[in-house]
C-alpha atoms as a PDB file:
ATOM      1  CA  UNK A   1      97.807  78.083 137.393  1.00  0.00           C
ATOM      2  CA  UNK A   2      97.201  81.054 135.110  1.00  0.00           C
ATOM      3  CA  UNK A   3      95.486  83.957 136.885  1.00  0.00           C
ATOM      4  CA  UNK A   4      92.406  85.568 135.325  1.00  0.00           C
ATOM      5  CA  UNK A   5      92.555  89.319 135.896  1.00  0.00           C
ATOM      6  CA  UNK A   6      89.275  91.234 135.870  1.00  0.00           C
ATOM      7  CA  UNK A   7      89.234  94.927 135.012  1.00  0.00           C
ATOM      8  CA  UNK A   8      89.668  95.970 138.664  1.00  0.00           C
ATOM      9  CA  UNK A   9      93.020  94.126 138.817  1.00  0.00           C
ATOM     10  CA  UNK A  10      94.826  95.751 135.900  1.00  0.00           C
ATOM     11  CA  UNK A  11      97.550  97.059 138.218  1.00  0.00           C
ATOM     12  CA  UNK A  12      98.356  93.477 139.280  1.00  0.00           C
ATOM     13  CA  UNK A  13      98.575  92.357 135.656  1.00  0.00           C
ATOM     14  CA  UNK A  14     100.806  95.343 134.885  1.00  0.00           C
ATOM     15  CA  UNK A  15     103.145  94.421 137.735  1.00  0.00           C
ATOM     16  CA  UNK A  16     103.481  90.898 136.352  1.00  0.00           C
ATOM     17  CA  UNK A  17     104.470  92.346 132.983  1.00  0.00           C
ATOM     18  CA  UNK A  18     106.988  94.742 134.561  1.00  0.00           C
ATOM     19  CA  UNK A  19     108.453  91.709 136.350  1.00  0.00           C
ATOM     20  CA  UNK A  20     109.047  89.996 133.003  1.00  0.00           C
ATOM     21  CA  UNK A  21     106.049  87.662 133.092  1.00  0.00           C
ATOM     22  CA  UNK A  22     103.610  87.014 130.223  1.00  0.00           C
ATOM     23  CA  UNK A  23     100.014  88.236 130.405  1.00  0.00           C
ATOM     24  CA  UNK A  24      97.517  87.794 127.562  1.00  0.00           C
ATOM     25  CA  UNK A  25      95.294  90.750 126.777  1.00  0.00           C
ATOM     26  CA  UNK A  26      92.216  91.423 124.618  1.00  0.00           C
ATOM     27  CA  UNK A  27      92.186  93.684 121.588  1.00  0.00           C
ATOM     28  CA  UNK A  28      89.543  94.474 118.989  1.00  0.00           C
ATOM     29  CA  UNK A  29      91.128  91.882 116.671  1.00  0.00           C
ATOM     30  CA  UNK A  30      92.297  88.823 118.664  1.00  0.00           C
ATOM     31  CA  UNK A  31      93.798  88.241 122.114  1.00  0.00           C
ATOM     32  CA  UNK A  32      97.514  89.066 122.281  1.00  0.00           C
ATOM     33  CA  UNK A  33     100.255  87.398 124.308  1.00  0.00           C
ATOM     34  CA  UNK A  34     101.820  90.308 126.140  1.00  0.00           C
ATOM     35  CA  UNK A  35     105.375  90.936 127.303  1.00  0.00           C
ATOM     36  CA  UNK A  36     107.119  94.211 128.043  1.00  0.00           C
ATOM     37  CA  UNK A  37     108.963  95.134 124.871  1.00  0.00           C
ATOM     38  CA  UNK A  38     112.266  96.212 126.471  1.00  0.00           C
ATOM     39  CA  UNK A  39     112.906  92.951 128.370  1.00  0.00           C
ATOM     40  CA  UNK A  40     114.685  90.514 126.081  1.00  0.00           C
ATOM     41  CA  UNK A  41     114.178  87.531 128.367  1.00  0.00           C
ATOM     42  CA  UNK A  42     110.432  88.208 128.536  1.00  0.00           C
ATOM     43  CA  UNK A  43     110.218  88.604 124.758  1.00  0.00           C
ATOM     44  CA  UNK A  44     112.158  85.382 124.257  1.00  0.00           C
ATOM     45  CA  UNK A  45     109.598  83.685 126.522  1.00  0.00           C
ATOM     46  CA  UNK A  46     106.856  84.735 124.098  1.00  0.00           C
ATOM     47  CA  UNK A  47     108.623  82.894 121.278  1.00  0.00           C
ATOM     48  CA  UNK A  48     109.246  79.862 123.485  1.00  0.00           C
ATOM     49  CA  UNK A  49     105.727  79.555 124.906  1.00  0.00           C
ATOM     50  CA  UNK A  50     104.121  79.956 121.489  1.00  0.00           C
ATOM     51  CA  UNK A  51     106.645  77.748 119.703  1.00  0.00           C
ATOM     52  CA  UNK A  52     107.174  80.698 117.361  1.00  0.00           C
ATOM     53  CA  UNK A  53     110.214  80.847 115.046  1.00  0.00           C
ATOM     54  CA  UNK A  54     112.662  83.499 116.231  1.00  0.00           C
ATOM     55  CA  UNK A  55     112.869  85.249 112.834  1.00  0.00           C
ATOM     56  CA  UNK A  56     109.134  86.043 112.895  1.00  0.00           C
ATOM     57  CA  UNK A  57     108.968  89.669 114.148  1.00  0.00           C
ATOM     58  CA  UNK A  58     106.536  90.873 116.806  1.00  0.00           C
ATOM     59  CA  UNK A  59     104.167  93.832 116.674  1.00  0.00           C
ATOM     60  CA  UNK A  60     104.549  96.426 119.432  1.00  0.00           C
ATOM     61  CA  UNK A  61     101.390  97.835 121.039  1.00  0.00           C
ATOM     62  CA  UNK A  62     101.292 101.481 122.143  1.00  0.00           C
ATOM     63  CA  UNK A  63      99.057 103.367 124.576  1.00  0.00           C
ATOM     64  CA  UNK A  64      99.109 106.699 122.707  1.00  0.00           C
ATOM     65  CA  UNK A  65      99.400 107.817 119.081  1.00  0.00           C
ATOM     66  CA  UNK A  66     102.266 110.194 119.767  1.00  0.00           C
ATOM     67  CA  UNK A  67     104.336 107.435 121.405  1.00  0.00           C
ATOM     68  CA  UNK A  68     105.180 106.096 117.942  1.00  0.00           C
ATOM     69  CA  UNK A  69     107.665 108.886 117.241  1.00  0.00           C
ATOM     70  CA  UNK A  70     109.779 107.942 120.284  1.00  0.00           C
ATOM     71  CA  UNK A  71     110.579 104.554 118.758  1.00  0.00           C
ATOM     72  CA  UNK A  72     111.189 105.259 115.066  1.00  0.00           C
ATOM     73  CA  UNK A  73     114.032 107.022 113.257  1.00  0.00           C
ATOM     74  CA  UNK A  74     114.888 109.010 110.161  1.00  0.00           C
ATOM     75  CA  UNK A  75     111.346 109.464 108.885  1.00  0.00           C
ATOM     76  CA  UNK A  76     110.988 111.452 105.691  1.00  0.00           C
ATOM     77  CA  UNK A  77     108.441 114.290 105.564  1.00  0.00           C
ATOM     78  CA  UNK A  78     106.199 111.996 103.501  1.00  0.00           C
ATOM     79  CA  UNK A  79     106.406 109.241 106.107  1.00  0.00           C
ATOM     80  CA  UNK A  80     105.560 111.672 108.909  1.00  0.00           C
ATOM     81  CA  UNK A  81     102.578 112.921 106.917  1.00  0.00           C
ATOM     82  CA  UNK A  82     101.363 109.392 106.141  1.00  0.00           C
ATOM     83  CA  UNK A  83     101.687 108.318 109.776  1.00  0.00           C
ATOM     84  CA  UNK A  84      99.719 111.288 111.078  1.00  0.00           C
ATOM     85  CA  UNK A  85      96.926 110.853 108.523  1.00  0.00           C
ATOM     86  CA  UNK A  86      96.643 107.123 109.209  1.00  0.00           C
ATOM     87  CA  UNK A  87      96.721 107.584 112.970  1.00  0.00           C
ATOM     88  CA  UNK A  88      93.997 110.210 112.769  1.00  0.00           C
ATOM     89  CA  UNK A  89      91.784 107.928 110.695  1.00  0.00           C
ATOM     90  CA  UNK A  90      92.471 104.477 112.138  1.00  0.00           C
ATOM     91  CA  UNK A  91      94.125 104.646 115.586  1.00  0.00           C
ATOM     92  CA  UNK A  92      93.220 103.253 117.968  1.00  0.00           C
ATOM     93  CA  UNK A  93      92.354 100.421 115.616  1.00  0.00           C
ATOM     94  CA  UNK A  94      93.420  97.405 113.574  1.00  0.00           C
ATOM     95  CA  UNK A  95      96.235  98.955 111.527  1.00  0.00           C
ATOM     96  CA  UNK A  96      99.920  98.155 112.091  1.00  0.00           C
ATOM     97  CA  UNK A  97     102.523 100.499 110.594  1.00  0.00           C
ATOM     98  CA  UNK A  98     106.011  99.222 109.743  1.00  0.00           C
ATOM     99  CA  UNK A  99     108.705 101.884 110.074  1.00  0.00           C
ATOM    100  CA  UNK A 100     112.483 102.122 110.652  1.00  0.00           C
ATOM    101  CA  UNK A 101     113.123 101.363 114.327  1.00  0.00           C
ATOM    102  CA  UNK A 102     115.323 103.468 116.583  1.00  0.00           C
ATOM    103  CA  UNK A 103     118.298 101.417 117.729  1.00  0.00           C
ATOM    104  CA  UNK A 104     118.178 100.073 121.278  1.00  0.00           C
ATOM    105  CA  UNK A 105     114.629 101.089 122.222  1.00  0.00           C
ATOM    106  CA  UNK A 106     113.238  97.552 122.156  1.00  0.00           C
ATOM    107  CA  UNK A 107     114.659  94.167 123.060  1.00  0.00           C
ATOM    108  CA  UNK A 108     116.653  92.773 120.104  1.00  0.00           C
ATOM    109  CA  UNK A 109     114.327  89.801 119.682  1.00  0.00           C
ATOM    110  CA  UNK A 110     111.282  92.031 119.077  1.00  0.00           C
ATOM    111  CA  UNK A 111     112.265  92.772 115.485  1.00  0.00           C
ATOM    112  CA  UNK A 112     113.808  89.405 114.657  1.00  0.00           C
ATOM    113  CA  UNK A 113     117.014  91.193 113.646  1.00  0.00           C
ATOM    114  CA  UNK A 114     115.329  93.608 111.219  1.00  0.00           C
ATOM    115  CA  UNK A 115     115.897  97.369 111.191  1.00  0.00           C
ATOM    116  CA  UNK A 116     112.137  97.980 111.106  1.00  0.00           C
ATOM    117  CA  UNK A 117     109.323  97.453 113.600  1.00  0.00           C
ATOM    118  CA  UNK A 118     105.545  97.100 113.401  1.00  0.00           C
ATOM    119  CA  UNK A 119     103.620  99.453 115.709  1.00  0.00           C
ATOM    120  CA  UNK A 120      99.947  99.813 116.472  1.00  0.00           C
ATOM    121  CA  UNK A 121      97.541 101.258 119.036  1.00  0.00           C
ATOM    122  CA  UNK A 122      94.860  98.674 119.878  1.00  0.00           C
ATOM    123  CA  UNK A 123      91.222  99.717 120.160  1.00  0.00           C
ATOM    124  CA  UNK A 124      90.407  98.183 123.531  1.00  0.00           C
ATOM    125  CA  UNK A 125      90.065 100.310 126.682  1.00  0.00           C
ATOM    126  CA  UNK A 126      91.319  97.621 129.079  1.00  0.00           C
ATOM    127  CA  UNK A 127      94.470  96.980 127.078  1.00  0.00           C
ATOM    128  CA  UNK A 128      95.218 100.680 126.641  1.00  0.00           C
ATOM    129  CA  UNK A 129      94.854 101.022 130.419  1.00  0.00           C
ATOM    130  CA  UNK A 130      97.147  98.020 130.881  1.00  0.00           C
ATOM    131  CA  UNK A 131      99.904  99.436 128.636  1.00  0.00           C
ATOM    132  CA  UNK A 132      99.605 102.774 130.428  1.00  0.00           C
ATOM    133  CA  UNK A 133      99.924 101.039 133.803  1.00  0.00           C
ATOM    134  CA  UNK A 134     102.992  99.085 132.661  1.00  0.00           C
ATOM    135  CA  UNK A 135     104.637 102.301 131.523  1.00  0.00           C
ATOM    136  CA  UNK A 136     106.172 100.832 128.353  1.00  0.00           C
ATOM    137  CA  UNK A 137     104.822  99.293 125.128  1.00  0.00           C
ATOM    138  CA  UNK A 138     103.994  95.597 124.950  1.00  0.00           C
ATOM    139  CA  UNK A 139     104.620  93.023 122.271  1.00  0.00           C
ATOM    140  CA  UNK A 140     101.421  91.126 121.583  1.00  0.00           C
ATOM    141  CA  UNK A 141     101.387  88.359 118.969  1.00  0.00           C
ATOM    142  CA  UNK A 142      98.208  86.306 118.894  1.00  0.00           C
ATOM    143  CA  UNK A 143      97.879  84.341 122.134  1.00  0.00           C
ATOM    144  CA  UNK A 144      97.808  80.875 120.584  1.00  0.00           C
ATOM    145  CA  UNK A 145     100.245  78.081 119.910  1.00  0.00           C
ATOM    146  CA  UNK A 146     102.137  78.941 116.740  1.00  0.00           C
ATOM    147  CA  UNK A 147     100.389  77.735 113.599  1.00  0.00           C
ATOM    148  CA  UNK A 148      97.017  77.184 115.259  1.00  0.00           C
ATOM    149  CA  UNK A 149      93.830  79.280 114.975  1.00  0.00           C
ATOM    150  CA  UNK A 150      94.105  82.643 116.692  1.00  0.00           C
ATOM    151  CA  UNK A 151      92.174  83.256 119.939  1.00  0.00           C
ATOM    152  CA  UNK A 152      89.053  85.394 119.889  1.00  0.00           C
ATOM    153  CA  UNK A 153      87.813  84.279 123.332  1.00  0.00           C
ATOM    154  CA  UNK A 154      89.377  84.052 126.773  1.00  0.00           C
ATOM    155  CA  UNK A 155      88.728  80.301 126.770  1.00  0.00           C
ATOM    156  CA  UNK A 156      90.822  79.933 123.599  1.00  0.00           C
ATOM    157  CA  UNK A 157      93.808  81.468 125.403  1.00  0.00           C
ATOM    158  CA  UNK A 158      93.240  79.337 128.481  1.00  0.00           C
ATOM    159  CA  UNK A 159      93.036  76.212 126.289  1.00  0.00           C
ATOM    160  CA  UNK A 160      96.494  76.879 124.822  1.00  0.00           C
ATOM    161  CA  UNK A 161      98.336  78.451 127.748  1.00  0.00           C
ATOM    162  CA  UNK A 162      96.763  77.562 131.098  1.00  0.00           C
ATOM    163  CA  UNK A 163      99.618  77.067 133.537  1.00  0.00           C
ATOM    164  CA  UNK A 164     102.170  78.364 131.021  1.00  0.00           C
ATOM    165  CA  UNK A 165     101.696  82.138 131.418  1.00  0.00           C
ATOM    166  CA  UNK A 166     101.149  84.364 134.446  1.00  0.00           C
ATOM    167  CA  UNK A 167      97.730  85.691 133.545  1.00  0.00           C
ATOM    168  CA  UNK A 168      94.965  86.664 131.154  1.00  0.00           C
ATOM    169  CA  UNK A 169      93.154  90.008 131.222  1.00  0.00           C
ATOM    170  CA  UNK A 170      89.490  89.031 131.025  1.00  0.00           C
ATOM    171  CA  UNK A 171      87.171  90.429 128.367  1.00  0.00           C
ATOM    172  CA  UNK A 172      84.289  89.539 126.091  1.00  0.00           C
ATOM    173  CA  UNK A 173      85.024  87.891 122.699  1.00  0.00           C
ATOM    174  CA  UNK A 174      86.962  90.139 120.359  1.00  0.00           C
ATOM    175  CA  UNK A 175      84.954  92.367 118.042  1.00  0.00           C
ATOM    176  CA  UNK A 176      86.710  91.935 114.671  1.00  0.00           C
ATOM    177  CA  UNK A 177      88.155  88.434 114.823  1.00  0.00           C
ATOM    178  CA  UNK A 178      91.208  88.618 112.530  1.00  0.00           C
ATOM    179  CA  UNK A 179      94.552  90.292 113.106  1.00  0.00           C
ATOM    180  CA  UNK A 180      95.359  93.855 112.069  1.00  0.00           C
ATOM    181  CA  UNK A 181      96.143  95.040 108.566  1.00  0.00           C
ATOM    182  CA  UNK A 182      99.924  95.478 108.285  1.00  0.00           C
ATOM    183  CA  UNK A 183     101.072  98.414 106.133  1.00  0.00           C
ATOM    184  CA  UNK A 184     104.756  98.819 105.309  1.00  0.00           C
ATOM    185  CA  UNK A 185     105.751 102.495 105.176  1.00  0.00           C
ATOM    186  CA  UNK A 186     109.490 101.749 105.186  1.00  0.00           C
ATOM    187  CA  UNK A 187     110.000 100.415 101.651  1.00  0.00           C
ATOM    188  CA  UNK A 188     111.475 102.984  99.234  1.00  0.00           C
ATOM    189  CA  UNK A 189     109.708 101.231  96.333  1.00  0.00           C
ATOM    190  CA  UNK A 190     106.253 102.148  97.631  1.00  0.00           C
ATOM    191  CA  UNK A 191     103.550 101.423 100.204  1.00  0.00           C
ATOM    192  CA  UNK A 192     102.687  97.748 100.634  1.00  0.00           C
ATOM    193  CA  UNK A 193     100.073  95.805 102.581  1.00  0.00           C
ATOM    194  CA  UNK A 194     101.983  92.822 103.971  1.00  0.00           C
ATOM    195  CA  UNK A 195      98.984  91.312 105.762  1.00  0.00           C
ATOM    196  CA  UNK A 196      95.351  92.016 104.834  1.00  0.00           C
ATOM    197  CA  UNK A 197      92.955  92.772 107.650  1.00  0.00           C
ATOM    198  CA  UNK A 198      89.838  94.690 108.630  1.00  0.00           C
ATOM    199  CA  UNK A 199      91.081  97.955 107.121  1.00  0.00           C
ATOM    200  CA  UNK A 200      91.148  97.694 103.342  1.00  0.00           C
ATOM    201  CA  UNK A 201      93.552  99.020 100.742  1.00  0.00           C
ATOM    202  CA  UNK A 202      90.852 101.336  99.422  1.00  0.00           C
ATOM    203  CA  UNK A 203      90.241 102.858 102.852  1.00  0.00           C
ATOM    204  CA  UNK A 204      93.966 103.482 103.302  1.00  0.00           C
ATOM    205  CA  UNK A 205      94.325 105.066  99.854  1.00  0.00           C
ATOM    206  CA  UNK A 206      91.346 107.338 100.529  1.00  0.00           C
ATOM    207  CA  UNK A 207      92.930 108.620 103.738  1.00  0.00           C
ATOM    208  CA  UNK A 208      96.382 109.114 102.193  1.00  0.00           C
ATOM    209  CA  UNK A 209      94.832 110.874  99.174  1.00  0.00           C
ATOM    210  CA  UNK A 210      97.619 110.368  96.654  1.00  0.00           C
ATOM    211  CA  UNK A 211     100.035 107.492  97.170  1.00  0.00           C
ATOM    212  CA  UNK A 212      99.086 104.151  95.668  1.00  0.00           C
ATOM    213  CA  UNK A 213      98.951 101.233  98.089  1.00  0.00           C
ATOM    214  CA  UNK A 214      99.589  97.758  96.709  1.00  0.00           C
ATOM    215  CA  UNK A 215     100.279  94.195  97.724  1.00  0.00           C
ATOM    216  CA  UNK A 216     103.789  92.816  97.182  1.00  0.00           C
ATOM    217  CA  UNK A 217     104.229  90.262  94.414  1.00  0.00           C
ATOM    218  CA  UNK A 218     103.955  87.607  97.120  1.00  0.00           C
ATOM    219  CA  UNK A 219     102.346  87.750 100.553  1.00  0.00           C
ATOM    220  CA  UNK A 220     104.573  84.852 101.591  1.00  0.00           C
ATOM    221  CA  UNK A 221     108.361  84.599 101.664  1.00  0.00           C
ATOM    222  CA  UNK A 222     110.642  81.669 100.932  1.00  0.00           C
ATOM    223  CA  UNK A 223     112.295  79.471 103.564  1.00  0.00           C
ATOM    224  CA  UNK A 224     115.605  81.333 103.300  1.00  0.00           C
ATOM    225  CA  UNK A 225     113.998  84.794 103.524  1.00  0.00           C
ATOM    226  CA  UNK A 226     113.069  86.731 106.646  1.00  0.00           C
ATOM    227  CA  UNK A 227     109.482  87.957 106.953  1.00  0.00           C
ATOM    228  CA  UNK A 228     108.993  91.662 107.590  1.00  0.00           C
ATOM    229  CA  UNK A 229     105.618  91.099 109.229  1.00  0.00           C
ATOM    230  CA  UNK A 230     103.819  88.256 110.996  1.00  0.00           C
ATOM    231  CA  UNK A 231     101.864  85.861 108.805  1.00  0.00           C
ATOM    232  CA  UNK A 232     104.193  85.975 105.792  1.00  0.00           C
ATOM    233  CA  UNK A 233     106.292  82.828 106.183  1.00  0.00           C
ATOM    234  CA  UNK A 234     105.010  80.168 108.534  1.00  0.00           C
ATOM    235  CA  UNK A 235     101.953  77.917 108.627  1.00  0.00           C
ATOM    236  CA  UNK A 236      99.122  79.773 110.311  1.00  0.00           C
ATOM    237  CA  UNK A 237      95.567  79.415 111.520  1.00  0.00           C
ATOM    238  CA  UNK A 238      95.372  75.662 110.877  1.00  0.00           C
ATOM    239  CA  UNK A 239      93.442  72.956 112.735  1.00  0.00           C
ATOM    240  CA  UNK A 240      94.727  69.385 112.789  1.00  0.00           C
ATOM    241  CA  UNK A 241      92.195  68.122 110.235  1.00  0.00           C
ATOM    242  CA  UNK A 242      92.027  68.994 106.533  1.00  0.00           C
ATOM    243  CA  UNK A 243      90.229  72.258 105.743  1.00  0.00           C
ATOM    244  CA  UNK A 244      88.537  73.087 102.428  1.00  0.00           C
ATOM    245  CA  UNK A 245      87.377  76.613 101.593  1.00  0.00           C
ATOM    246  CA  UNK A 246      84.129  76.183  99.667  1.00  0.00           C
ATOM    247  CA  UNK A 247      81.863  78.719  97.962  1.00  0.00           C
ATOM    248  CA  UNK A 248      78.235  78.467  99.074  1.00  0.00           C
ATOM    249  CA  UNK A 249      77.042  77.295  95.656  1.00  0.00           C
ATOM    250  CA  UNK A 250      79.501  74.384  95.718  1.00  0.00           C
ATOM    251  CA  UNK A 251      79.013  73.277  99.322  1.00  0.00           C
ATOM    252  CA  UNK A 252      76.446  70.551  98.554  1.00  0.00           C
ATOM    253  CA  UNK A 253      78.640  69.198  95.739  1.00  0.00           C
ATOM    254  CA  UNK A 254      81.695  68.926  98.011  1.00  0.00           C
ATOM    255  CA  UNK A 255      79.660  67.288 100.781  1.00  0.00           C
ATOM    256  CA  UNK A 256      78.261  64.713  98.336  1.00  0.00           C
ATOM    257  CA  UNK A 257      81.775  63.945  97.080  1.00  0.00           C
ATOM    258  CA  UNK A 258      82.941  63.192 100.637  1.00  0.00           C
ATOM    259  CA  UNK A 259      80.125  61.079 102.074  1.00  0.00           C
ATOM    260  CA  UNK A 260      82.698  58.665 103.483  1.00  0.00           C
ATOM    261  CA  UNK A 261      83.975  61.376 105.846  1.00  0.00           C
ATOM    262  CA  UNK A 262      82.653  62.931 109.045  1.00  0.00           C
ATOM    263  CA  UNK A 263      82.286  66.569 108.006  1.00  0.00           C
ATOM    264  CA  UNK A 264      82.270  69.763 110.075  1.00  0.00           C
ATOM    265  CA  UNK A 265      80.630  72.496 107.988  1.00  0.00           C
ATOM    266  CA  UNK A 266      80.873  76.220 108.857  1.00  0.00           C
ATOM    267  CA  UNK A 267      78.909  78.688 106.759  1.00  0.00           C
ATOM    268  CA  UNK A 268      76.646  81.694 106.800  1.00  0.00           C
ATOM    269  CA  UNK A 269      73.104  81.032 107.988  1.00  0.00           C
ATOM    270  CA  UNK A 270      71.567  81.103 104.521  1.00  0.00           C
ATOM    271  CA  UNK A 271      74.298  78.870 103.098  1.00  0.00           C
ATOM    272  CA  UNK A 272      73.738  76.114 105.673  1.00  0.00           C
ATOM    273  CA  UNK A 273      70.033  75.820 104.886  1.00  0.00           C
ATOM    274  CA  UNK A 274      69.118  72.799 102.772  1.00  0.00           C
ATOM    275  CA  UNK A 275      72.550  71.172 102.714  1.00  0.00           C
ATOM    276  CA  UNK A 276      72.955  67.378 102.815  1.00  0.00           C
ATOM    277  CA  UNK A 277      73.400  66.101 106.379  1.00  0.00           C
ATOM    278  CA  UNK A 278      76.866  66.398 107.948  1.00  0.00           C
ATOM    279  CA  UNK A 279      78.293  65.459 111.335  1.00  0.00           C
ATOM    280  CA  UNK A 280      78.334  69.044 112.655  1.00  0.00           C
ATOM    281  CA  UNK A 281      77.455  72.531 111.475  1.00  0.00           C
ATOM    282  CA  UNK A 282      78.578  75.933 112.722  1.00  0.00           C
ATOM    283  CA  UNK A 283      76.861  79.200 111.823  1.00  0.00           C
ATOM    284  CA  UNK A 284      79.121  82.043 110.737  1.00  0.00           C
ATOM    285  CA  UNK A 285      76.141  84.360 111.082  1.00  0.00           C
ATOM    286  CA  UNK A 286      74.352  86.468 108.477  1.00  0.00           C
ATOM    287  CA  UNK A 287      77.169  88.670 107.166  1.00  0.00           C
ATOM    288  CA  UNK A 288      80.839  88.985 106.252  1.00  0.00           C
ATOM    289  CA  UNK A 289      81.364  90.871 109.511  1.00  0.00           C
ATOM    290  CA  UNK A 290      79.996  88.037 111.658  1.00  0.00           C
ATOM    291  CA  UNK A 291      81.772  85.411 109.552  1.00  0.00           C
ATOM    292  CA  UNK A 292      85.108  87.158 110.093  1.00  0.00           C
ATOM    293  CA  UNK A 293      84.459  87.527 113.815  1.00  0.00           C
ATOM    294  CA  UNK A 294      83.594  83.819 114.152  1.00  0.00           C
ATOM    295  CA  UNK A 295      86.093  82.246 111.728  1.00  0.00           C
ATOM    296  CA  UNK A 296      88.773  81.288 114.254  1.00  0.00           C
ATOM    297  CA  UNK A 297      86.186  80.073 116.759  1.00  0.00           C
ATOM    298  CA  UNK A 298      84.756  77.801 114.056  1.00  0.00           C
ATOM    299  CA  UNK A 299      88.199  76.370 113.288  1.00  0.00           C
ATOM    300  CA  UNK A 300      88.866  75.793 116.988  1.00  0.00           C
ATOM    301  CA  UNK A 301      85.482  74.138 117.533  1.00  0.00           C
ATOM    302  CA  UNK A 302      86.168  71.840 114.594  1.00  0.00           C
ATOM    303  CA  UNK A 303      89.638  71.084 115.952  1.00  0.00           C
ATOM    304  CA  UNK A 304      88.204  70.140 119.353  1.00  0.00           C
ATOM    305  CA  UNK A 305      85.447  67.955 117.897  1.00  0.00           C
ATOM    306  CA  UNK A 306      85.787  64.202 118.087  1.00  0.00           C
ATOM    307  CA  UNK A 307      85.851  62.014 114.979  1.00  0.00           C
ATOM    308  CA  UNK A 308      85.860  64.818 112.388  1.00  0.00           C
ATOM    309  CA  UNK A 309      87.680  63.973 109.145  1.00  0.00           C
ATOM    310  CA  UNK A 310      87.082  67.083 107.044  1.00  0.00           C
ATOM    311  CA  UNK A 311      86.334  70.748 107.776  1.00  0.00           C
ATOM    312  CA  UNK A 312      84.424  72.800 105.198  1.00  0.00           C
ATOM    313  CA  UNK A 313      84.359  76.580 105.645  1.00  0.00           C
ATOM    314  CA  UNK A 314      82.418  78.904 103.389  1.00  0.00           C
ATOM    315  CA  UNK A 315      84.530  80.947 100.967  1.00  0.00           C
ATOM    316  CA  UNK A 316      83.096  84.474 100.926  1.00  0.00           C
ATOM    317  CA  UNK A 317      84.005  86.873  98.140  1.00  0.00           C
ATOM    318  CA  UNK A 318      82.923  90.428  98.865  1.00  0.00           C
ATOM    319  CA  UNK A 319      85.771  92.129  97.033  1.00  0.00           C
ATOM    320  CA  UNK A 320      88.381  94.079  98.986  1.00  0.00           C
ATOM    321  CA  UNK A 321      86.240  93.971 102.138  1.00  0.00           C
ATOM    322  CA  UNK A 322      86.754  90.216 102.415  1.00  0.00           C
ATOM    323  CA  UNK A 323      90.559  90.273 101.929  1.00  0.00           C
ATOM    324  CA  UNK A 324      91.328  89.633 105.605  1.00  0.00           C
ATOM    325  CA  UNK A 325      88.817  86.788 105.887  1.00  0.00           C
ATOM    326  CA  UNK A 326      90.043  85.185 102.669  1.00  0.00           C
ATOM    327  CA  UNK A 327      93.710  85.511 103.657  1.00  0.00           C
ATOM    328  CA  UNK A 328      93.201  83.675 106.965  1.00  0.00           C
ATOM    329  CA  UNK A 329      90.982  80.990 105.435  1.00  0.00           C
ATOM    330  CA  UNK A 330      93.443  80.391 102.583  1.00  0.00           C
ATOM    331  CA  UNK A 331      96.261  79.862 105.077  1.00  0.00           C
ATOM    332  CA  UNK A 332      94.149  77.310 106.953  1.00  0.00           C
ATOM    333  CA  UNK A 333      92.952  75.472 103.829  1.00  0.00           C
ATOM    334  CA  UNK A 334      94.528  72.800 101.668  1.00  0.00           C
ATOM    335  CA  UNK A 335      92.060  73.300  98.796  1.00  0.00           C
ATOM    336  CA  UNK A 336      89.657  75.973  97.557  1.00  0.00           C
ATOM    337  CA  UNK A 337      86.370  75.299  95.746  1.00  0.00           C
ATOM    338  CA  UNK A 338      85.336  78.764  94.597  1.00  0.00           C
END
């Protein structure tokens, strides 16, 4: 049975992690599946429990900003400057920085064989206290079965891993709802966002005040290539049933074209009003912020529903601010009606 640790039992959860066990923890983005990052057997267990491919690198979670410099190597003056500016603006918070990793500081499986590592400082007091109590950084990929919607609630983690991991650090639903923005600072060609998230390209460029930040030509890599960050190669965020991403103005049209199917429809409050009847609806709330926070819960609710044939989720285009939401919904969807 998986133990649920309340905030007064953080020391017990930390001891489990020091002993090489897995404990899920909350962050501001999604729940992470934690293992101490210098124990290769524990890190391998993360891959095994999730069913995660071993070439898909893990992000390391730190308790303090300054800890980053103990685990990276050969930074140029520009890289040091960028790191300090970004930490000041966004840490603790949903920004992962990819940098050259110092040899031997983490278990070999953390980086998937790469010479770089993704590091971040989560914005959640319980998890920062947990990492501090462990005394070493934690890996923390999303605490879900690989390929399935990420967990934004304790019950999501329990659904996937009850009896399979030592514990879960209890908390309220996560505040943001999609994983961190991943920014690669290690590429000599420039600065690249490898995974969109809550922090936008424009916000990063404003803080750096000079360097241009761009997306690589592709946010996905081919089967024979190794991803540098999570979310670049393998199927993600997907329920069992077919998902369509549908703009609000086309929702009624798509429903009418699929009257032979039992439809689960998730949209913003205003978008759901006046639609043709469907089997189930789910409100994503009144705003992009609430829609992002609820997206994975909507996909999980649809996945758990009986006799659903088709899942429609509202496609929201709010420019750069919606990049993280759109990225996750695209990965879950087989078709887009924008």
